[in-house]
């Protein structure tokens, strides 16, 4: 949730190049819908001094990762960022194999099927397939982010992580979650672990968005990296029973077919 907290933790690692970490944290400040951000807002989002932010934005602009608007004296993401993103997506073998399986499930369930990876305290969408015959479904752009803490995908990711990494991530989630929300978040994470142990998948029944249900499984690649795949849609269309009895087992099978990538 909080960029300053994430940045401080990373900079405490002696193996981290601080200037690079700060520059990347600046780029991560741009969220969906943020066309322009100024140095002041970037400083507030990162917790960095404004003078440091000014030097970073100048450097990133020179390198093509940011564009500066002279009219607004603010910055937008540059083409170099997009180039990196598309290079990553184009070279991800699991995506090439997952797309037809995801589209088949989306069409059958008349829902949305997405694949995402961890990005700090969020999941970033790498692919989203929607039912071609159904206009009433979730349409999420590639690159969009959603919280790990209260989503089926986030809970599935946690279940797929090695124990030490999972414990550390849950501790970070707790540290950055407002006190009034933590008990509910904790209960959802614990229930996700129970569901995964007993059924092989995790639920989110209105936890992410009201009247939206979803189900997810972790995807553990041959190299040990963990992603997650989910199926979601309006609650009236995807009941808890349908998710558990029909879609969940199919997601588990997709996960098994993709686990060697």
C-alpha atoms as a PDB file:
ATOM      1  CA  UNK A   1       0.000   0.000   0.000  1.00  0.00           C
ATOM      2  CA  UNK A   2       2.474   2.597   1.181  1.00  0.00           C
ATOM      3  CA  UNK A   3       5.386   3.316  -1.115  1.00  0.00           C
ATOM      4  CA  UNK A   4       7.543   4.876   1.625  1.00  0.00           C
ATOM      5  CA  UNK A   5       7.361   1.736   3.747  1.00  0.00           C
ATOM      6  CA  UNK A   6       8.331  -0.529   0.851  1.00  0.00           C
ATOM      7  CA  UNK A   7      11.241   1.732  -0.109  1.00  0.00           C
ATOM      8  CA  UNK A   8      12.670   1.914   3.411  1.00  0.00           C
ATOM      9  CA  UNK A   9      12.637  -1.865   3.789  1.00  0.00           C
ATOM     10  CA  UNK A  10      14.478  -2.362   0.509  1.00  0.00           C
ATOM     11  CA  UNK A  11      17.110   0.245   1.301  1.00  0.00           C
ATOM     12  CA  UNK A  12      17.914  -1.499   4.593  1.00  0.00           C
ATOM     13  CA  UNK A  13      19.385  -4.366   2.547  1.00  0.00           C
ATOM     14  CA  UNK A  14      23.165  -3.744   2.177  1.00  0.00           C
ATOM     15  CA  UNK A  15      23.140  -5.472  -1.230  1.00  0.00           C
ATOM     16  CA  UNK A  16      20.658  -2.939  -2.645  1.00  0.00           C
ATOM     17  CA  UNK A  17      21.906  -0.053  -4.807  1.00  0.00           C
ATOM     18  CA  UNK A  18      19.991   2.771  -3.132  1.00  0.00           C
ATOM     19  CA  UNK A  19      19.934   5.193  -6.077  1.00  0.00           C
ATOM     20  CA  UNK A  20      18.569   2.502  -8.398  1.00  0.00           C
ATOM     21  CA  UNK A  21      15.951   1.409  -5.862  1.00  0.00           C
ATOM     22  CA  UNK A  22      14.809   4.998  -5.445  1.00  0.00           C
ATOM     23  CA  UNK A  23      14.561   5.558  -9.192  1.00  0.00           C
ATOM     24  CA  UNK A  24      12.469   2.429  -9.641  1.00  0.00           C
ATOM     25  CA  UNK A  25      10.255   3.360  -6.690  1.00  0.00           C
ATOM     26  CA  UNK A  26       9.601   6.658  -8.457  1.00  0.00           C
ATOM     27  CA  UNK A  27       8.399   4.866 -11.598  1.00  0.00           C
ATOM     28  CA  UNK A  28       6.160   2.625  -9.487  1.00  0.00           C
ATOM     29  CA  UNK A  29       4.341   5.714  -8.182  1.00  0.00           C
ATOM     30  CA  UNK A  30       2.409   5.989 -11.442  1.00  0.00           C
ATOM     31  CA  UNK A  31      -0.906   4.213 -10.991  1.00  0.00           C
ATOM     32  CA  UNK A  32      -3.696   3.506 -13.395  1.00  0.00           C
ATOM     33  CA  UNK A  33      -5.293   6.868 -14.252  1.00  0.00           C
ATOM     34  CA  UNK A  34      -2.185   8.908 -13.365  1.00  0.00           C
ATOM     35  CA  UNK A  35      -1.209  10.671 -16.565  1.00  0.00           C
ATOM     36  CA  UNK A  36       0.965  13.352 -14.980  1.00  0.00           C
ATOM     37  CA  UNK A  37       2.677  13.606 -11.588  1.00  0.00           C
ATOM     38  CA  UNK A  38       4.791  16.459 -10.271  1.00  0.00           C
ATOM     39  CA  UNK A  39       7.872  16.335  -8.067  1.00  0.00           C
ATOM     40  CA  UNK A  40       5.869  17.276  -4.982  1.00  0.00           C
ATOM     41  CA  UNK A  41       3.399  14.426  -5.407  1.00  0.00           C
ATOM     42  CA  UNK A  42       6.189  11.990  -6.220  1.00  0.00           C
ATOM     43  CA  UNK A  43       7.986  13.057  -3.061  1.00  0.00           C
ATOM     44  CA  UNK A  44       4.841  12.459  -1.017  1.00  0.00           C
ATOM     45  CA  UNK A  45       4.282   9.020  -2.531  1.00  0.00           C
ATOM     46  CA  UNK A  46       7.860   7.823  -2.085  1.00  0.00           C
ATOM     47  CA  UNK A  47       8.725   9.594   1.150  1.00  0.00           C
ATOM     48  CA  UNK A  48      11.897  10.921  -0.504  1.00  0.00           C
ATOM     49  CA  UNK A  49      13.160  14.524  -0.191  1.00  0.00           C
ATOM     50  CA  UNK A  50      11.909  16.744  -2.993  1.00  0.00           C
ATOM     51  CA  UNK A  51      15.493  17.634  -3.999  1.00  0.00           C
ATOM     52  CA  UNK A  52      16.260  13.922  -4.436  1.00  0.00           C
ATOM     53  CA  UNK A  53      13.091  13.436  -6.453  1.00  0.00           C
ATOM     54  CA  UNK A  54      14.039  16.358  -8.722  1.00  0.00           C
ATOM     55  CA  UNK A  55      17.403  14.764  -9.530  1.00  0.00           C
ATOM     56  CA  UNK A  56      15.762  11.380 -10.147  1.00  0.00           C
ATOM     57  CA  UNK A  57      13.073  12.760 -12.456  1.00  0.00           C
ATOM     58  CA  UNK A  58      15.716  14.650 -14.435  1.00  0.00           C
ATOM     59  CA  UNK A  59      17.816  11.485 -14.813  1.00  0.00           C
ATOM     60  CA  UNK A  60      14.839   9.315 -15.762  1.00  0.00           C
ATOM     61  CA  UNK A  61      13.730  11.905 -18.304  1.00  0.00           C
ATOM     62  CA  UNK A  62      17.178  11.948 -19.896  1.00  0.00           C
ATOM     63  CA  UNK A  63      17.038   8.139 -20.166  1.00  0.00           C
ATOM     64  CA  UNK A  64      13.546   8.105 -21.691  1.00  0.00           C
ATOM     65  CA  UNK A  65      11.728   6.529 -18.749  1.00  0.00           C
ATOM     66  CA  UNK A  66       9.849   9.758 -18.041  1.00  0.00           C
ATOM     67  CA  UNK A  67       8.499  12.532 -20.272  1.00  0.00           C
ATOM     68  CA  UNK A  68       8.351  16.091 -18.944  1.00  0.00           C
ATOM     69  CA  UNK A  69       5.433  18.309 -19.838  1.00  0.00           C
ATOM     70  CA  UNK A  70       6.656  21.900 -20.050  1.00  0.00           C
ATOM     71  CA  UNK A  71       3.067  23.108 -19.963  1.00  0.00           C
ATOM     72  CA  UNK A  72       2.248  21.434 -16.631  1.00  0.00           C
ATOM     73  CA  UNK A  73       5.813  21.077 -15.291  1.00  0.00           C
ATOM     74  CA  UNK A  74       4.949  17.468 -14.496  1.00  0.00           C
ATOM     75  CA  UNK A  75       5.988  14.031 -15.675  1.00  0.00           C
ATOM     76  CA  UNK A  76       4.428  11.051 -17.443  1.00  0.00           C
ATOM     77  CA  UNK A  77       5.843   7.596 -18.092  1.00  0.00           C
ATOM     78  CA  UNK A  78       8.062   7.384 -21.152  1.00  0.00           C
ATOM     79  CA  UNK A  79       8.241   4.857 -23.971  1.00  0.00           C
ATOM     80  CA  UNK A  80      11.251   3.106 -22.413  1.00  0.00           C
ATOM     81  CA  UNK A  81       8.989   1.814 -19.618  1.00  0.00           C
ATOM     82  CA  UNK A  82       6.569   0.373 -22.150  1.00  0.00           C
ATOM     83  CA  UNK A  83       9.442  -1.245 -24.041  1.00  0.00           C
ATOM     84  CA  UNK A  84      10.598  -3.047 -20.905  1.00  0.00           C
ATOM     85  CA  UNK A  85       7.074  -4.229 -20.144  1.00  0.00           C
ATOM     86  CA  UNK A  86       6.440  -5.638 -23.592  1.00  0.00           C
ATOM     87  CA  UNK A  87       9.852  -7.317 -23.658  1.00  0.00           C
ATOM     88  CA  UNK A  88       8.999  -9.047 -20.394  1.00  0.00           C
ATOM     89  CA  UNK A  89       5.567 -10.177 -21.598  1.00  0.00           C
ATOM     90  CA  UNK A  90       6.874 -11.310 -24.950  1.00  0.00           C
ATOM     91  CA  UNK A  91       9.543 -13.492 -23.361  1.00  0.00           C
ATOM     92  CA  UNK A  92       7.334 -15.153 -20.737  1.00  0.00           C
ATOM     93  CA  UNK A  93       6.789 -18.736 -21.871  1.00  0.00           C
ATOM     94  CA  UNK A  94       4.050 -19.393 -19.354  1.00  0.00           C
ATOM     95  CA  UNK A  95       1.885 -16.657 -20.898  1.00  0.00           C
ATOM     96  CA  UNK A  96       2.098 -18.210 -24.344  1.00  0.00           C
ATOM     97  CA  UNK A  97       0.900 -21.539 -22.982  1.00  0.00           C
ATOM     98  CA  UNK A  98      -1.627 -20.066 -20.565  1.00  0.00           C
ATOM     99  CA  UNK A  99      -3.573 -17.849 -22.984  1.00  0.00           C
ATOM    100  CA  UNK A 100      -5.530 -20.591 -24.826  1.00  0.00           C
ATOM    101  CA  UNK A 101      -6.330 -22.382 -21.544  1.00  0.00           C
ATOM    102  CA  UNK A 102      -7.456 -19.120 -19.957  1.00  0.00           C
ATOM    103  CA  UNK A 103      -9.616 -18.153 -22.934  1.00  0.00           C
ATOM    104  CA  UNK A 104     -11.265 -21.588 -22.975  1.00  0.00           C
ATOM    105  CA  UNK A 105     -12.193 -21.272 -19.299  1.00  0.00           C
ATOM    106  CA  UNK A 106     -13.358 -17.666 -19.706  1.00  0.00           C
ATOM    107  CA  UNK A 107     -15.696 -18.642 -22.552  1.00  0.00           C
ATOM    108  CA  UNK A 108     -17.021 -21.676 -20.700  1.00  0.00           C
ATOM    109  CA  UNK A 109     -17.586 -19.860 -17.403  1.00  0.00           C
ATOM    110  CA  UNK A 110     -18.724 -16.642 -19.101  1.00  0.00           C
ATOM    111  CA  UNK A 111     -16.327 -14.792 -16.856  1.00  0.00           C
ATOM    112  CA  UNK A 112     -12.908 -13.176 -16.697  1.00  0.00           C
ATOM    113  CA  UNK A 113      -9.717 -15.187 -16.247  1.00  0.00           C
ATOM    114  CA  UNK A 114      -6.494 -13.405 -15.300  1.00  0.00           C
ATOM    115  CA  UNK A 115      -2.863 -14.221 -14.627  1.00  0.00           C
ATOM    116  CA  UNK A 116      -0.839 -11.987 -12.323  1.00  0.00           C
ATOM    117  CA  UNK A 117       2.511 -11.752 -10.559  1.00  0.00           C
ATOM    118  CA  UNK A 118       3.629 -10.043  -7.379  1.00  0.00           C
ATOM    119  CA  UNK A 119       4.641  -6.391  -7.494  1.00  0.00           C
ATOM    120  CA  UNK A 120       5.528  -5.337  -3.947  1.00  0.00           C
ATOM    121  CA  UNK A 121       2.290  -5.454  -1.962  1.00  0.00           C
ATOM    122  CA  UNK A 122       0.214  -5.792  -5.111  1.00  0.00           C
ATOM    123  CA  UNK A 123      -0.537  -8.209  -7.908  1.00  0.00           C
ATOM    124  CA  UNK A 124       0.116  -6.869 -11.400  1.00  0.00           C
ATOM    125  CA  UNK A 125      -1.962  -8.305 -14.240  1.00  0.00           C
ATOM    126  CA  UNK A 126       0.068  -9.965 -16.990  1.00  0.00           C
ATOM    127  CA  UNK A 127      -2.886 -11.293 -18.982  1.00  0.00           C
ATOM    128  CA  UNK A 128      -6.670 -11.060 -18.894  1.00  0.00           C
ATOM    129  CA  UNK A 129      -9.075 -13.114 -21.001  1.00  0.00           C
ATOM    130  CA  UNK A 130     -12.788 -12.349 -21.079  1.00  0.00           C
ATOM    131  CA  UNK A 131     -15.690 -14.402 -22.358  1.00  0.00           C
ATOM    132  CA  UNK A 132     -16.261 -13.560 -26.005  1.00  0.00           C
ATOM    133  CA  UNK A 133     -20.009 -14.257 -25.790  1.00  0.00           C
ATOM    134  CA  UNK A 134     -20.693 -12.309 -22.610  1.00  0.00           C
ATOM    135  CA  UNK A 135     -20.426  -8.532 -22.303  1.00  0.00           C
ATOM    136  CA  UNK A 136     -21.119  -8.496 -18.539  1.00  0.00           C
ATOM    137  CA  UNK A 137     -17.738  -9.460 -17.164  1.00  0.00           C
ATOM    138  CA  UNK A 138     -14.644  -7.986 -15.556  1.00  0.00           C
ATOM    139  CA  UNK A 139     -12.360  -6.235 -18.011  1.00  0.00           C
ATOM    140  CA  UNK A 140      -8.996  -5.501 -16.451  1.00  0.00           C
ATOM    141  CA  UNK A 141      -6.105  -3.991 -18.387  1.00  0.00           C
ATOM    142  CA  UNK A 142      -2.725  -5.687 -18.517  1.00  0.00           C
ATOM    143  CA  UNK A 143      -0.472  -3.757 -16.137  1.00  0.00           C
ATOM    144  CA  UNK A 144      -3.265  -2.913 -13.692  1.00  0.00           C
ATOM    145  CA  UNK A 145      -2.542  -3.666 -10.047  1.00  0.00           C
ATOM    146  CA  UNK A 146      -4.634  -4.939  -7.167  1.00  0.00           C
ATOM    147  CA  UNK A 147      -3.822  -5.580  -3.520  1.00  0.00           C
ATOM    148  CA  UNK A 148      -2.465  -8.913  -2.355  1.00  0.00           C
ATOM    149  CA  UNK A 149      -4.147  -8.492   1.023  1.00  0.00           C
ATOM    150  CA  UNK A 150      -7.808  -8.982   0.116  1.00  0.00           C
ATOM    151  CA  UNK A 151      -7.907 -10.750  -3.241  1.00  0.00           C
ATOM    152  CA  UNK A 152      -8.170 -14.391  -4.239  1.00  0.00           C
ATOM    153  CA  UNK A 153      -5.034 -14.008  -6.378  1.00  0.00           C
ATOM    154  CA  UNK A 154      -3.102 -12.519  -3.485  1.00  0.00           C
ATOM    155  CA  UNK A 155      -4.172 -15.293  -1.143  1.00  0.00           C
ATOM    156  CA  UNK A 156      -3.234 -17.910  -3.740  1.00  0.00           C
ATOM    157  CA  UNK A 157       0.177 -16.277  -4.193  1.00  0.00           C
ATOM    158  CA  UNK A 158       0.773 -16.435  -0.437  1.00  0.00           C
ATOM    159  CA  UNK A 159      -0.125 -20.123  -0.398  1.00  0.00           C
ATOM    160  CA  UNK A 160       2.364 -20.843  -3.171  1.00  0.00           C
ATOM    161  CA  UNK A 161       5.332 -19.006  -1.634  1.00  0.00           C
ATOM    162  CA  UNK A 162       8.053 -20.742   0.395  1.00  0.00           C
ATOM    163  CA  UNK A 163       7.291 -20.453   4.116  1.00  0.00           C
ATOM    164  CA  UNK A 164       9.965 -17.894   4.978  1.00  0.00           C
ATOM    165  CA  UNK A 165       8.985 -15.607   2.102  1.00  0.00           C
ATOM    166  CA  UNK A 166       5.290 -15.986   2.954  1.00  0.00           C
ATOM    167  CA  UNK A 167       5.865 -15.090   6.614  1.00  0.00           C
ATOM    168  CA  UNK A 168       7.891 -12.014   5.629  1.00  0.00           C
ATOM    169  CA  UNK A 169       5.250 -10.840   3.154  1.00  0.00           C
ATOM    170  CA  UNK A 170       2.404 -11.275   5.645  1.00  0.00           C
ATOM    171  CA  UNK A 171       4.424  -9.277   8.179  1.00  0.00           C
ATOM    172  CA  UNK A 172       4.878  -6.504   5.606  1.00  0.00           C
ATOM    173  CA  UNK A 173       1.164  -6.546   4.789  1.00  0.00           C
ATOM    174  CA  UNK A 174       0.360  -6.230   8.490  1.00  0.00           C
ATOM    175  CA  UNK A 175       2.840  -3.362   8.916  1.00  0.00           C
ATOM    176  CA  UNK A 176       1.314  -1.378   6.062  1.00  0.00           C
ATOM    177  CA  UNK A 177      -2.359  -2.142   6.772  1.00  0.00           C
ATOM    178  CA  UNK A 178      -4.375   0.332   8.879  1.00  0.00           C
ATOM    179  CA  UNK A 179      -5.122  -1.156  12.314  1.00  0.00           C
ATOM    180  CA  UNK A 180      -8.852  -1.094  11.710  1.00  0.00           C
ATOM    181  CA  UNK A 181      -8.482  -3.334   8.639  1.00  0.00           C
ATOM    182  CA  UNK A 182      -5.923  -5.865   9.825  1.00  0.00           C
ATOM    183  CA  UNK A 183      -8.193  -8.319  11.655  1.00  0.00           C
ATOM    184  CA  UNK A 184     -10.387  -8.716   8.568  1.00  0.00           C
ATOM    185  CA  UNK A 185      -7.348  -9.023   6.281  1.00  0.00           C
ATOM    186  CA  UNK A 186      -5.763 -11.589   8.633  1.00  0.00           C
ATOM    187  CA  UNK A 187      -8.951 -13.651   8.723  1.00  0.00           C
ATOM    188  CA  UNK A 188      -9.111 -13.683   4.918  1.00  0.00           C
ATOM    189  CA  UNK A 189      -5.489 -14.789   4.597  1.00  0.00           C
ATOM    190  CA  UNK A 190      -5.984 -17.561   7.168  1.00  0.00           C
ATOM    191  CA  UNK A 191      -9.171 -18.776   5.481  1.00  0.00           C
ATOM    192  CA  UNK A 192      -7.348 -18.736   2.155  1.00  0.00           C
ATOM    193  CA  UNK A 193      -4.690 -21.035   3.603  1.00  0.00           C
ATOM    194  CA  UNK A 194      -7.392 -23.424   4.857  1.00  0.00           C
ATOM    195  CA  UNK A 195      -9.217 -23.414   1.510  1.00  0.00           C
ATOM    196  CA  UNK A 196      -5.996 -24.059  -0.372  1.00  0.00           C
ATOM    197  CA  UNK A 197      -5.000 -26.900   1.921  1.00  0.00           C
ATOM    198  CA  UNK A 198      -8.418 -28.566   1.714  1.00  0.00           C
ATOM    199  CA  UNK A 199      -9.496 -27.730  -1.857  1.00  0.00           C
ATOM    200  CA  UNK A 200      -6.447 -26.510  -3.760  1.00  0.00           C
ATOM    201  CA  UNK A 201      -7.762 -22.979  -4.399  1.00  0.00           C
ATOM    202  CA  UNK A 202      -8.594 -19.694  -2.625  1.00  0.00           C
ATOM    203  CA  UNK A 203     -11.769 -17.571  -2.650  1.00  0.00           C
ATOM    204  CA  UNK A 204     -12.630 -13.899  -2.538  1.00  0.00           C
ATOM    205  CA  UNK A 205     -16.368 -13.486  -2.058  1.00  0.00           C
ATOM    206  CA  UNK A 206     -17.008  -9.755  -2.203  1.00  0.00           C
ATOM    207  CA  UNK A 207     -13.716  -8.997  -0.406  1.00  0.00           C
ATOM    208  CA  UNK A 208     -12.058  -7.236  -3.349  1.00  0.00           C
ATOM    209  CA  UNK A 209     -15.148  -5.532  -4.718  1.00  0.00           C
ATOM    210  CA  UNK A 210     -18.681  -5.729  -3.458  1.00  0.00           C
ATOM    211  CA  UNK A 211     -20.792  -8.188  -5.458  1.00  0.00           C
ATOM    212  CA  UNK A 212     -17.731  -9.631  -7.219  1.00  0.00           C
ATOM    213  CA  UNK A 213     -16.663 -13.230  -6.551  1.00  0.00           C
ATOM    214  CA  UNK A 214     -13.438 -14.874  -7.637  1.00  0.00           C
ATOM    215  CA  UNK A 215     -11.335 -17.963  -7.137  1.00  0.00           C
ATOM    216  CA  UNK A 216      -7.600 -18.441  -7.684  1.00  0.00           C
ATOM    217  CA  UNK A 217      -4.733 -20.918  -7.640  1.00  0.00           C
ATOM    218  CA  UNK A 218      -0.971 -20.353  -7.413  1.00  0.00           C
ATOM    219  CA  UNK A 219       1.184 -21.100 -10.440  1.00  0.00           C
ATOM    220  CA  UNK A 220       4.571 -22.394  -9.312  1.00  0.00           C
ATOM    221  CA  UNK A 221       6.995 -22.423 -12.232  1.00  0.00           C
ATOM    222  CA  UNK A 222       9.907 -24.806 -12.710  1.00  0.00           C
ATOM    223  CA  UNK A 223      12.322 -22.070 -11.562  1.00  0.00           C
ATOM    224  CA  UNK A 224      10.394 -21.665  -8.298  1.00  0.00           C
ATOM    225  CA  UNK A 225       8.781 -18.328  -9.160  1.00  0.00           C
ATOM    226  CA  UNK A 226       5.151 -17.969  -8.083  1.00  0.00           C
ATOM    227  CA  UNK A 227       2.312 -16.302  -9.956  1.00  0.00           C
ATOM    228  CA  UNK A 228      -1.439 -16.724  -9.654  1.00  0.00           C
ATOM    229  CA  UNK A 229      -4.373 -17.307 -11.973  1.00  0.00           C
ATOM    230  CA  UNK A 230      -7.967 -16.482 -11.132  1.00  0.00           C
ATOM    231  CA  UNK A 231     -11.491 -16.531 -12.494  1.00  0.00           C
ATOM    232  CA  UNK A 232     -13.887 -13.821 -11.414  1.00  0.00           C
ATOM    233  CA  UNK A 233     -17.143 -12.073 -12.210  1.00  0.00           C
ATOM    234  CA  UNK A 234     -20.408 -10.727 -10.806  1.00  0.00           C
ATOM    235  CA  UNK A 235     -21.591 -12.621  -7.715  1.00  0.00           C
ATOM    236  CA  UNK A 236     -24.972 -13.368  -9.269  1.00  0.00           C
ATOM    237  CA  UNK A 237     -23.191 -15.060 -12.144  1.00  0.00           C
ATOM    238  CA  UNK A 238     -20.436 -16.814 -10.206  1.00  0.00           C
ATOM    239  CA  UNK A 239     -21.890 -18.224  -7.012  1.00  0.00           C
ATOM    240  CA  UNK A 240     -19.651 -19.677  -4.317  1.00  0.00           C
ATOM    241  CA  UNK A 241     -21.001 -23.118  -5.187  1.00  0.00           C
ATOM    242  CA  UNK A 242     -20.191 -22.753  -8.886  1.00  0.00           C
ATOM    243  CA  UNK A 243     -16.709 -21.542  -8.058  1.00  0.00           C
ATOM    244  CA  UNK A 244     -16.055 -24.443  -5.713  1.00  0.00           C
ATOM    245  CA  UNK A 245     -17.655 -27.297  -7.662  1.00  0.00           C
ATOM    246  CA  UNK A 246     -16.963 -26.319 -11.265  1.00  0.00           C
ATOM    247  CA  UNK A 247     -14.384 -23.580 -11.796  1.00  0.00           C
ATOM    248  CA  UNK A 248     -12.008 -24.358  -8.920  1.00  0.00           C
ATOM    249  CA  UNK A 249     -11.106 -27.882 -10.072  1.00  0.00           C
ATOM    250  CA  UNK A 250     -10.592 -26.587 -13.621  1.00  0.00           C
ATOM    251  CA  UNK A 251      -8.221 -23.895 -12.382  1.00  0.00           C
ATOM    252  CA  UNK A 252      -6.285 -26.516 -10.434  1.00  0.00           C
ATOM    253  CA  UNK A 253      -5.927 -28.548 -13.630  1.00  0.00           C
ATOM    254  CA  UNK A 254      -4.695 -25.488 -15.541  1.00  0.00           C
ATOM    255  CA  UNK A 255      -2.127 -24.922 -12.800  1.00  0.00           C
ATOM    256  CA  UNK A 256      -0.895 -28.487 -13.125  1.00  0.00           C
ATOM    257  CA  UNK A 257      -0.532 -28.136 -16.888  1.00  0.00           C
ATOM    258  CA  UNK A 258       1.518 -24.970 -16.519  1.00  0.00           C
ATOM    259  CA  UNK A 259       3.718 -25.919 -13.568  1.00  0.00           C
ATOM    260  CA  UNK A 260       6.717 -26.981 -15.673  1.00  0.00           C
ATOM    261  CA  UNK A 261       7.171 -23.587 -17.373  1.00  0.00           C
END
